[in-house]
PDB file of N, CA and C in Angstrom:
ATOM      1  N   UNK A   1      89.701 121.378 128.781  1.00  0.00           N
ATOM      2  CA  UNK A   1      88.866 120.720 127.692  1.00  0.00           C
ATOM      3  C   UNK A   1      87.574 119.825 128.387  1.00  0.00           C
ATOM      4  N   UNK A   2      86.721 120.295 127.835  1.00  0.00           N
ATOM      5  CA  UNK A   2      85.401 119.664 128.170  1.00  0.00           C
ATOM      6  C   UNK A   2      85.064 118.157 127.654  1.00  0.00           C
ATOM      7  N   UNK A   3      84.007 117.336 127.493  1.00  0.00           N
ATOM      8  CA  UNK A   3      83.579 116.517 127.231  1.00  0.00           C
ATOM      9  C   UNK A   3      83.737 116.221 125.622  1.00  0.00           C
ATOM     10  N   UNK A   4      84.158 115.354 125.015  1.00  0.00           N
ATOM     11  CA  UNK A   4      84.417 114.795 124.046  1.00  0.00           C
ATOM     12  C   UNK A   4      84.112 113.257 123.758  1.00  0.00           C
ATOM     13  N   UNK A   5      83.787 112.873 122.521  1.00  0.00           N
ATOM     14  CA  UNK A   5      83.742 111.359 122.057  1.00  0.00           C
ATOM     15  C   UNK A   5      84.554 110.379 121.917  1.00  0.00           C
ATOM     16  N   UNK A   6      84.559 109.513 122.416  1.00  0.00           N
ATOM     17  CA  UNK A   6      85.821 108.251 122.016  1.00  0.00           C
ATOM     18  C   UNK A   6      85.369 107.870 120.459  1.00  0.00           C
ATOM     19  N   UNK A   7      86.612 108.141 119.792  1.00  0.00           N
ATOM     20  CA  UNK A   7      86.408 107.761 118.383  1.00  0.00           C
ATOM     21  C   UNK A   7      85.895 106.254 118.046  1.00  0.00           C
ATOM     22  N   UNK A   8      86.356 105.211 119.138  1.00  0.00           N
ATOM     23  CA  UNK A   8      86.399 103.752 118.892  1.00  0.00           C
ATOM     24  C   UNK A   8      84.770 103.313 119.506  1.00  0.00           C
ATOM     25  N   UNK A   9      84.356 103.636 120.673  1.00  0.00           N
ATOM     26  CA  UNK A   9      82.975 103.330 121.264  1.00  0.00           C
ATOM     27  C   UNK A   9      82.101 104.504 121.268  1.00  0.00           C
ATOM     28  N   UNK A  10      82.393 106.149 120.799  1.00  0.00           N
ATOM     29  CA  UNK A  10      81.501 106.471 121.002  1.00  0.00           C
ATOM     30  C   UNK A  10      80.919 107.568 122.197  1.00  0.00           C
ATOM     31  N   UNK A  11      81.392 106.909 123.051  1.00  0.00           N
ATOM     32  CA  UNK A  11      80.824 107.274 124.158  1.00  0.00           C
ATOM     33  C   UNK A  11      81.452 108.684 124.835  1.00  0.00           C
ATOM     34  N   UNK A  12      80.863 109.600 125.509  1.00  0.00           N
ATOM     35  CA  UNK A  12      81.822 110.977 126.109  1.00  0.00           C
ATOM     36  C   UNK A  12      82.223 110.924 126.841  1.00  0.00           C
ATOM     37  N   UNK A  13      83.571 111.189 126.780  1.00  0.00           N
ATOM     38  CA  UNK A  13      84.750 111.085 127.830  1.00  0.00           C
ATOM     39  C   UNK A  13      85.293 112.374 127.907  1.00  0.00           C
ATOM     40  N   UNK A  14      86.214 112.456 129.024  1.00  0.00           N
ATOM     41  CA  UNK A  14      87.000 113.337 129.157  1.00  0.00           C
ATOM     42  C   UNK A  14      88.240 113.919 128.340  1.00  0.00           C
ATOM     43  N   UNK A  15      88.341 114.815 127.950  1.00  0.00           N
ATOM     44  CA  UNK A  15      89.942 115.120 127.221  1.00  0.00           C
ATOM     45  C   UNK A  15      90.793 114.724 128.007  1.00  0.00           C
ATOM     46  N   UNK A  16      91.978 114.266 127.334  1.00  0.00           N
ATOM     47  CA  UNK A  16      93.295 113.747 127.739  1.00  0.00           C
ATOM     48  C   UNK A  16      94.314 114.838 127.681  1.00  0.00           C
ATOM     49  N   UNK A  17      94.387 114.884 126.365  1.00  0.00           N
ATOM     50  CA  UNK A  17      95.286 116.001 125.985  1.00  0.00           C
ATOM     51  C   UNK A  17      95.274 116.511 124.859  1.00  0.00           C
ATOM     52  N   UNK A  18      95.882 117.498 124.212  1.00  0.00           N
ATOM     53  CA  UNK A  18      95.824 118.118 122.825  1.00  0.00           C
ATOM     54  C   UNK A  18      95.965 117.276 121.465  1.00  0.00           C
ATOM     55  N   UNK A  19      96.890 116.049 122.003  1.00  0.00           N
ATOM     56  CA  UNK A  19      96.850 115.194 120.682  1.00  0.00           C
ATOM     57  C   UNK A  19      98.281 114.907 120.305  1.00  0.00           C
ATOM     58  N   UNK A  20      99.010 116.203 120.243  1.00  0.00           N
ATOM     59  CA  UNK A  20     100.278 116.345 119.890  1.00  0.00           C
ATOM     60  C   UNK A  20     100.851 116.121 118.398  1.00  0.00           C
ATOM     61  N   UNK A  21      99.787 116.697 117.758  1.00  0.00           N
ATOM     62  CA  UNK A  21      99.734 116.675 115.943  1.00  0.00           C
ATOM     63  C   UNK A  21      98.872 117.091 115.203  1.00  0.00           C
ATOM     64  N   UNK A  22      98.863 117.214 113.976  1.00  0.00           N
ATOM     65  CA  UNK A  22      97.943 117.573 113.270  1.00  0.00           C
ATOM     66  C   UNK A  22      97.660 116.254 112.514  1.00  0.00           C
ATOM     67  N   UNK A  23      96.305 116.420 112.044  1.00  0.00           N
ATOM     68  CA  UNK A  23      95.641 115.470 111.391  1.00  0.00           C
ATOM     69  C   UNK A  23      95.275 115.637 110.145  1.00  0.00           C
ATOM     70  N   UNK A  24      95.154 115.464 109.257  1.00  0.00           N
ATOM     71  CA  UNK A  24      94.422 115.714 107.913  1.00  0.00           C
ATOM     72  C   UNK A  24      93.845 114.574 107.389  1.00  0.00           C
ATOM     73  N   UNK A  25      92.786 114.957 106.536  1.00  0.00           N
ATOM     74  CA  UNK A  25      91.472 113.892 105.868  1.00  0.00           C
ATOM     75  C   UNK A  25      91.605 114.620 104.423  1.00  0.00           C
ATOM     76  N   UNK A  26      91.312 113.780 103.180  1.00  0.00           N
ATOM     77  CA  UNK A  26      91.253 114.121 102.226  1.00  0.00           C
ATOM     78  C   UNK A  26      89.658 114.420 102.199  1.00  0.00           C
ATOM     79  N   UNK A  27      89.133 115.350 101.096  1.00  0.00           N
ATOM     80  CA  UNK A  27      87.675 115.908 101.244  1.00  0.00           C
ATOM     81  C   UNK A  27      87.470 116.281  99.576  1.00  0.00           C
ATOM     82  N   UNK A  28      86.398 116.111  99.054  1.00  0.00           N
ATOM     83  CA  UNK A  28      86.022 116.362  98.075  1.00  0.00           C
ATOM     84  C   UNK A  28      86.783 117.279  97.157  1.00  0.00           C
ATOM     85  N   UNK A  29      87.258 117.572  95.677  1.00  0.00           N
ATOM     86  CA  UNK A  29      88.028 118.595  95.248  1.00  0.00           C
ATOM     87  C   UNK A  29      86.791 119.762  95.323  1.00  0.00           C
ATOM     88  N   UNK A  30      87.344 121.071  95.220  1.00  0.00           N
ATOM     89  CA  UNK A  30      86.646 122.295  94.534  1.00  0.00           C
ATOM     90  C   UNK A  30      86.976 122.772  93.609  1.00  0.00           C
ATOM     91  N   UNK A  31      86.119 122.522  92.777  1.00  0.00           N
ATOM     92  CA  UNK A  31      86.614 122.177  91.256  1.00  0.00           C
ATOM     93  C   UNK A  31      87.469 121.819  90.821  1.00  0.00           C
ATOM     94  N   UNK A  32      89.149 122.103  90.595  1.00  0.00           N
ATOM     95  CA  UNK A  32      89.975 121.639  90.338  1.00  0.00           C
ATOM     96  C   UNK A  32      91.164 121.998  91.280  1.00  0.00           C
ATOM     97  N   UNK A  33      90.742 122.172  92.630  1.00  0.00           N
ATOM     98  CA  UNK A  33      91.679 122.198  93.703  1.00  0.00           C
ATOM     99  C   UNK A  33      91.639 121.322  94.632  1.00  0.00           C
ATOM    100  N   UNK A  34      92.590 120.669  95.102  1.00  0.00           N
ATOM    101  CA  UNK A  34      92.127 119.760  96.222  1.00  0.00           C
ATOM    102  C   UNK A  34      92.265 119.925  97.622  1.00  0.00           C
ATOM    103  N   UNK A  35      91.245 119.491  97.856  1.00  0.00           N
ATOM    104  CA  UNK A  35      90.675 120.122  99.429  1.00  0.00           C
ATOM    105  C   UNK A  35      91.037 118.965 100.923  1.00  0.00           C
ATOM    106  N   UNK A  36      91.880 119.798 101.684  1.00  0.00           N
ATOM    107  CA  UNK A  36      92.037 119.097 103.031  1.00  0.00           C
ATOM    108  C   UNK A  36      91.628 119.528 103.728  1.00  0.00           C
ATOM    109  N   UNK A  37      90.868 118.657 105.030  1.00  0.00           N
ATOM    110  CA  UNK A  37      90.595 118.819 106.274  1.00  0.00           C
ATOM    111  C   UNK A  37      91.693 118.885 106.931  1.00  0.00           C
ATOM    112  N   UNK A  38      92.142 119.997 108.061  1.00  0.00           N
ATOM    113  CA  UNK A  38      93.426 119.644 108.843  1.00  0.00           C
ATOM    114  C   UNK A  38      92.825 120.266 110.101  1.00  0.00           C
ATOM    115  N   UNK A  39      93.190 119.437 111.269  1.00  0.00           N
ATOM    116  CA  UNK A  39      92.841 119.822 112.518  1.00  0.00           C
ATOM    117  C   UNK A  39      93.853 119.373 113.568  1.00  0.00           C
ATOM    118  N   UNK A  40      94.306 119.937 114.536  1.00  0.00           N
ATOM    119  CA  UNK A  40      94.814 119.497 115.930  1.00  0.00           C
ATOM    120  C   UNK A  40      93.913 118.610 116.789  1.00  0.00           C
ATOM    121  N   UNK A  41      93.955 117.440 116.631  1.00  0.00           N
ATOM    122  CA  UNK A  41      93.118 116.498 117.334  1.00  0.00           C
ATOM    123  C   UNK A  41      93.104 116.477 118.700  1.00  0.00           C
ATOM    124  N   UNK A  42      92.668 116.594 119.806  1.00  0.00           N
ATOM    125  CA  UNK A  42      92.733 116.044 121.044  1.00  0.00           C
ATOM    126  C   UNK A  42      92.392 114.707 121.088  1.00  0.00           C
ATOM    127  N   UNK A  43      92.960 114.205 122.150  1.00  0.00           N
ATOM    128  CA  UNK A  43      92.778 112.616 122.409  1.00  0.00           C
ATOM    129  C   UNK A  43      91.787 112.532 123.835  1.00  0.00           C
ATOM    130  N   UNK A  44      91.103 111.713 124.090  1.00  0.00           N
ATOM    131  CA  UNK A  44      90.344 111.226 124.930  1.00  0.00           C
ATOM    132  C   UNK A  44      90.861 110.182 126.064  1.00  0.00           C
ATOM    133  N   UNK A  45      90.342 110.166 127.240  1.00  0.00           N
ATOM    134  CA  UNK A  45      90.707 108.936 128.077  1.00  0.00           C
ATOM    135  C   UNK A  45      89.597 108.236 128.644  1.00  0.00           C
ATOM    136  N   UNK A  46      89.639 106.905 127.793  1.00  0.00           N
ATOM    137  CA  UNK A  46      88.647 106.059 127.720  1.00  0.00           C
ATOM    138  C   UNK A  46      88.859 104.885 128.229  1.00  0.00           C
ATOM    139  N   UNK A  47      87.900 104.420 129.648  1.00  0.00           N
ATOM    140  CA  UNK A  47      88.479 103.120 130.540  1.00  0.00           C
ATOM    141  C   UNK A  47      88.384 101.981 129.623  1.00  0.00           C
ATOM    142  N   UNK A  48      87.412 101.900 128.548  1.00  0.00           N
ATOM    143  CA  UNK A  48      86.921 101.070 127.520  1.00  0.00           C
ATOM    144  C   UNK A  48      88.205 100.805 126.829  1.00  0.00           C
ATOM    145  N   UNK A  49      88.454 101.750 125.905  1.00  0.00           N
ATOM    146  CA  UNK A  49      89.462 101.974 124.941  1.00  0.00           C
ATOM    147  C   UNK A  49      91.016 102.141 125.011  1.00  0.00           C
ATOM    148  N   UNK A  50      90.896 102.996 125.982  1.00  0.00           N
ATOM    149  CA  UNK A  50      92.678 103.526 126.665  1.00  0.00           C
ATOM    150  C   UNK A  50      92.495 105.119 126.054  1.00  0.00           C
ATOM    151  N   UNK A  51      93.562 105.362 125.746  1.00  0.00           N
ATOM    152  CA  UNK A  51      93.489 107.038 125.419  1.00  0.00           C
ATOM    153  C   UNK A  51      93.778 107.039 123.457  1.00  0.00           C
ATOM    154  N   UNK A  52      92.575 107.574 123.157  1.00  0.00           N
ATOM    155  CA  UNK A  52      92.453 107.592 121.611  1.00  0.00           C
ATOM    156  C   UNK A  52      92.292 108.991 121.406  1.00  0.00           C
ATOM    157  N   UNK A  53      92.312 108.835 119.925  1.00  0.00           N
ATOM    158  CA  UNK A  53      91.806 110.340 119.295  1.00  0.00           C
ATOM    159  C   UNK A  53      90.272 110.368 119.691  1.00  0.00           C
ATOM    160  N   UNK A  54      89.939 112.023 119.688  1.00  0.00           N
ATOM    161  CA  UNK A  54      88.740 112.013 119.761  1.00  0.00           C
ATOM    162  C   UNK A  54      87.820 112.374 118.656  1.00  0.00           C
ATOM    163  N   UNK A  55      86.423 111.530 118.686  1.00  0.00           N
ATOM    164  CA  UNK A  55      85.680 111.624 117.467  1.00  0.00           C
ATOM    165  C   UNK A  55      85.500 112.761 116.742  1.00  0.00           C
ATOM    166  N   UNK A  56      85.402 112.806 115.483  1.00  0.00           N
ATOM    167  CA  UNK A  56      85.340 114.047 114.358  1.00  0.00           C
ATOM    168  C   UNK A  56      83.892 113.403 113.652  1.00  0.00           C
ATOM    169  N   UNK A  57      82.980 114.705 113.281  1.00  0.00           N
ATOM    170  CA  UNK A  57      81.819 114.479 112.819  1.00  0.00           C
ATOM    171  C   UNK A  57      82.218 114.054 111.126  1.00  0.00           C
ATOM    172  N   UNK A  58      83.027 114.413 110.577  1.00  0.00           N
ATOM    173  CA  UNK A  58      83.514 114.429 108.924  1.00  0.00           C
ATOM    174  C   UNK A  58      84.086 113.648 108.919  1.00  0.00           C
ATOM    175  N   UNK A  59      84.760 112.242 109.913  1.00  0.00           N
ATOM    176  CA  UNK A  59      85.518 111.302 109.166  1.00  0.00           C
ATOM    177  C   UNK A  59      85.293 109.771 110.231  1.00  0.00           C
ATOM    178  N   UNK A  60      85.127 108.745 109.608  1.00  0.00           N
ATOM    179  CA  UNK A  60      85.316 107.213 110.494  1.00  0.00           C
ATOM    180  C   UNK A  60      86.299 107.129 111.089  1.00  0.00           C
ATOM    181  N   UNK A  61      86.421 106.449 112.110  1.00  0.00           N
ATOM    182  CA  UNK A  61      87.832 106.521 112.958  1.00  0.00           C
ATOM    183  C   UNK A  61      88.873 105.799 112.275  1.00  0.00           C
ATOM    184  N   UNK A  62      90.094 106.263 112.406  1.00  0.00           N
ATOM    185  CA  UNK A  62      91.121 105.817 111.233  1.00  0.00           C
ATOM    186  C   UNK A  62      90.779 105.947 109.807  1.00  0.00           C
ATOM    187  N   UNK A  63      90.232 106.576 109.569  1.00  0.00           N
ATOM    188  CA  UNK A  63      90.240 107.118 108.119  1.00  0.00           C
ATOM    189  C   UNK A  63      90.885 108.200 107.609  1.00  0.00           C
ATOM    190  N   UNK A  64      91.603 108.051 106.830  1.00  0.00           N
ATOM    191  CA  UNK A  64      92.072 109.106 105.870  1.00  0.00           C
ATOM    192  C   UNK A  64      91.290 110.404 104.768  1.00  0.00           C
ATOM    193  N   UNK A  65      89.814 110.035 104.800  1.00  0.00           N
ATOM    194  CA  UNK A  65      89.163 110.569 104.020  1.00  0.00           C
ATOM    195  C   UNK A  65      88.092 111.055 104.919  1.00  0.00           C
ATOM    196  N   UNK A  66      87.399 111.979 104.349  1.00  0.00           N
ATOM    197  CA  UNK A  66      86.263 112.479 105.035  1.00  0.00           C
ATOM    198  C   UNK A  66      84.890 111.414 104.705  1.00  0.00           C
ATOM    199  N   UNK A  67      83.930 111.628 105.115  1.00  0.00           N
ATOM    200  CA  UNK A  67      82.539 110.747 105.181  1.00  0.00           C
ATOM    201  C   UNK A  67      82.240 111.133 103.819  1.00  0.00           C
ATOM    202  N   UNK A  68      82.372 112.151 103.250  1.00  0.00           N
ATOM    203  CA  UNK A  68      81.527 112.899 101.871  1.00  0.00           C
ATOM    204  C   UNK A  68      82.303 112.143 100.676  1.00  0.00           C
ATOM    205  N   UNK A  69      83.891 112.190 100.788  1.00  0.00           N
ATOM    206  CA  UNK A  69      84.517 112.090  99.949  1.00  0.00           C
ATOM    207  C   UNK A  69      84.424 110.674  99.642  1.00  0.00           C
ATOM    208  N   UNK A  70      84.273 109.743 100.673  1.00  0.00           N
ATOM    209  CA  UNK A  70      83.944 107.907 101.062  1.00  0.00           C
ATOM    210  C   UNK A  70      82.825 107.995 100.227  1.00  0.00           C
ATOM    211  N   UNK A  71      81.781 108.544 100.475  1.00  0.00           N
ATOM    212  CA  UNK A  71      80.217 108.509 100.292  1.00  0.00           C
ATOM    213  C   UNK A  71      80.422 108.695  98.623  1.00  0.00           C
ATOM    214  N   UNK A  72      81.083 109.655  98.126  1.00  0.00           N
ATOM    215  CA  UNK A  72      81.172 109.706  96.598  1.00  0.00           C
ATOM    216  C   UNK A  72      82.103 108.779  95.676  1.00  0.00           C
ATOM    217  N   UNK A  73      82.902 108.455  96.628  1.00  0.00           N
ATOM    218  CA  UNK A  73      83.999 107.208  96.128  1.00  0.00           C
ATOM    219  C   UNK A  73      82.741 106.103  95.872  1.00  0.00           C
ATOM    220  N   UNK A  74      82.602 105.756  96.808  1.00  0.00           N
ATOM    221  CA  UNK A  74      81.723 104.508  96.716  1.00  0.00           C
ATOM    222  C   UNK A  74      80.456 104.601  95.555  1.00  0.00           C
ATOM    223  N   UNK A  75      79.712 105.681  95.477  1.00  0.00           N
ATOM    224  CA  UNK A  75      78.993 105.769  94.502  1.00  0.00           C
ATOM    225  C   UNK A  75      79.328 105.638  93.357  1.00  0.00           C
ATOM    226  N   UNK A  76      80.450 106.505  92.855  1.00  0.00           N
ATOM    227  CA  UNK A  76      81.394 106.373  91.675  1.00  0.00           C
ATOM    228  C   UNK A  76      81.345 105.078  91.071  1.00  0.00           C
ATOM    229  N   UNK A  77      81.759 103.884  92.229  1.00  0.00           N
ATOM    230  CA  UNK A  77      82.186 102.897  92.015  1.00  0.00           C
ATOM    231  C   UNK A  77      81.077 101.843  91.431  1.00  0.00           C
ATOM    232  N   UNK A  78      79.760 102.568  91.726  1.00  0.00           N
ATOM    233  CA  UNK A  78      78.925 101.757  91.429  1.00  0.00           C
ATOM    234  C   UNK A  78      78.728 102.106  89.706  1.00  0.00           C
ATOM    235  N   UNK A  79      79.040 102.961  89.212  1.00  0.00           N
ATOM    236  CA  UNK A  79      78.325 103.222  87.932  1.00  0.00           C
ATOM    237  C   UNK A  79      79.821 103.406  86.904  1.00  0.00           C
ATOM    238  N   UNK A  80      81.164 103.608  87.529  1.00  0.00           N
ATOM    239  CA  UNK A  80      82.622 103.315  86.475  1.00  0.00           C
ATOM    240  C   UNK A  80      83.187 102.277  87.335  1.00  0.00           C
ATOM    241  N   UNK A  81      84.318 101.993  86.368  1.00  0.00           N
ATOM    242  CA  UNK A  81      85.239 100.928  86.893  1.00  0.00           C
ATOM    243  C   UNK A  81      86.172 101.595  87.570  1.00  0.00           C
ATOM    244  N   UNK A  82      87.163 100.902  88.300  1.00  0.00           N
ATOM    245  CA  UNK A  82      88.332 101.401  89.306  1.00  0.00           C
ATOM    246  C   UNK A  82      89.240 102.482  88.735  1.00  0.00           C
ATOM    247  N   UNK A  83      89.799 102.226  87.290  1.00  0.00           N
ATOM    248  CA  UNK A  83      90.312 103.126  86.681  1.00  0.00           C
ATOM    249  C   UNK A  83      89.936 104.536  86.687  1.00  0.00           C
ATOM    250  N   UNK A  84      88.526 104.318  86.166  1.00  0.00           N
ATOM    251  CA  UNK A  84      87.938 106.080  85.857  1.00  0.00           C
ATOM    252  C   UNK A  84      87.773 106.464  87.352  1.00  0.00           C
ATOM    253  N   UNK A  85      87.407 105.909  88.375  1.00  0.00           N
ATOM    254  CA  UNK A  85      87.375 106.706  89.515  1.00  0.00           C
ATOM    255  C   UNK A  85      88.673 107.174  89.957  1.00  0.00           C
ATOM    256  N   UNK A  86      89.548 106.301  90.066  1.00  0.00           N
ATOM    257  CA  UNK A  86      90.653 106.599  90.499  1.00  0.00           C
ATOM    258  C   UNK A  86      91.193 107.966  89.535  1.00  0.00           C
ATOM    259  N   UNK A  87      91.123 107.990  88.295  1.00  0.00           N
ATOM    260  CA  UNK A  87      91.374 109.204  87.751  1.00  0.00           C
ATOM    261  C   UNK A  87      90.390 110.357  88.118  1.00  0.00           C
ATOM    262  N   UNK A  88      89.340 110.518  88.454  1.00  0.00           N
ATOM    263  CA  UNK A  88      88.315 111.392  88.606  1.00  0.00           C
ATOM    264  C   UNK A  88      88.668 112.010  89.927  1.00  0.00           C
ATOM    265  N   UNK A  89      89.064 111.130  90.877  1.00  0.00           N
ATOM    266  CA  UNK A  89      88.842 111.572  92.487  1.00  0.00           C
ATOM    267  C   UNK A  89      90.647 111.516  92.467  1.00  0.00           C
ATOM    268  N   UNK A  90      91.248 111.418  91.430  1.00  0.00           N
ATOM    269  CA  UNK A  90      93.104 111.216  92.052  1.00  0.00           C
ATOM    270  C   UNK A  90      93.443 110.755  92.992  1.00  0.00           C
ATOM    271  N   UNK A  91      93.022 109.490  93.287  1.00  0.00           N
ATOM    272  CA  UNK A  91      93.205 108.457  94.473  1.00  0.00           C
ATOM    273  C   UNK A  91      93.641 106.926  93.649  1.00  0.00           C
ATOM    274  N   UNK A  92      94.562 106.482  94.269  1.00  0.00           N
ATOM    275  CA  UNK A  92      95.048 105.610  93.752  1.00  0.00           C
ATOM    276  C   UNK A  92      95.258 104.017  95.002  1.00  0.00           C
ATOM    277  N   UNK A  93      94.370 103.104  94.299  1.00  0.00           N
ATOM    278  CA  UNK A  93      94.179 101.950  95.361  1.00  0.00           C
ATOM    279  C   UNK A  93      95.784 101.063  95.352  1.00  0.00           C
ATOM    280  N   UNK A  94      95.903 100.577  96.735  1.00  0.00           N
ATOM    281  CA  UNK A  94      97.068  99.913  96.848  1.00  0.00           C
ATOM    282  C   UNK A  94      98.347 100.438  97.374  1.00  0.00           C
ATOM    283  N   UNK A  95      97.940 101.928  97.410  1.00  0.00           N
ATOM    284  CA  UNK A  95      99.342 102.507  98.126  1.00  0.00           C
ATOM    285  C   UNK A  95      98.920 103.398  99.381  1.00  0.00           C
ATOM    286  N   UNK A  96      97.764 102.289 100.246  1.00  0.00           N
ATOM    287  CA  UNK A  96      97.757 102.869 101.658  1.00  0.00           C
ATOM    288  C   UNK A  96      96.821 104.097 101.757  1.00  0.00           C
ATOM    289  N   UNK A  97      96.226 104.590 100.809  1.00  0.00           N
ATOM    290  CA  UNK A  97      95.379 105.718 100.841  1.00  0.00           C
ATOM    291  C   UNK A  97      96.064 107.034 100.583  1.00  0.00           C
ATOM    292  N   UNK A  98      96.892 107.187  99.877  1.00  0.00           N
ATOM    293  CA  UNK A  98      97.882 108.147  99.512  1.00  0.00           C
ATOM    294  C   UNK A  98      97.507 108.548  98.142  1.00  0.00           C
ATOM    295  N   UNK A  99      97.196 110.116  97.811  1.00  0.00           N
ATOM    296  CA  UNK A  99      96.831 110.101  96.182  1.00  0.00           C
ATOM    297  C   UNK A  99      98.217 110.269  95.604  1.00  0.00           C
ATOM    298  N   UNK A 100      98.051 110.009  94.272  1.00  0.00           N
ATOM    299  CA  UNK A 100      99.050 110.312  93.256  1.00  0.00           C
ATOM    300  C   UNK A 100      99.314 111.785  92.717  1.00  0.00           C
ATOM    301  N   UNK A 101     100.376 112.593  92.966  1.00  0.00           N
ATOM    302  CA  UNK A 101     100.131 114.136  92.434  1.00  0.00           C
ATOM    303  C   UNK A 101      99.992 113.918  90.681  1.00  0.00           C
TER     304      UNK A 101
END
């Protein structure tokens, strides 16, 4: 395992392990199909932040959504109300970011 970036401070750090699990991020739908990014994420050992998940280019630290999805959602909130955006993106506010089928 080579050098990775700490998801908290962004500094390059040595890999710690393979992370022990799969992580998922909701992405923009493709037509009427729901899209998720799925990856086994390694962890890094950062002297300042401790052992944390490595940074990924498609999502902010701790987010369950990709940057593109968050950007689309933020833009839609400027032109529509929360109920409309919720229905359009198939997300619900107040349930810790999980979508409703």
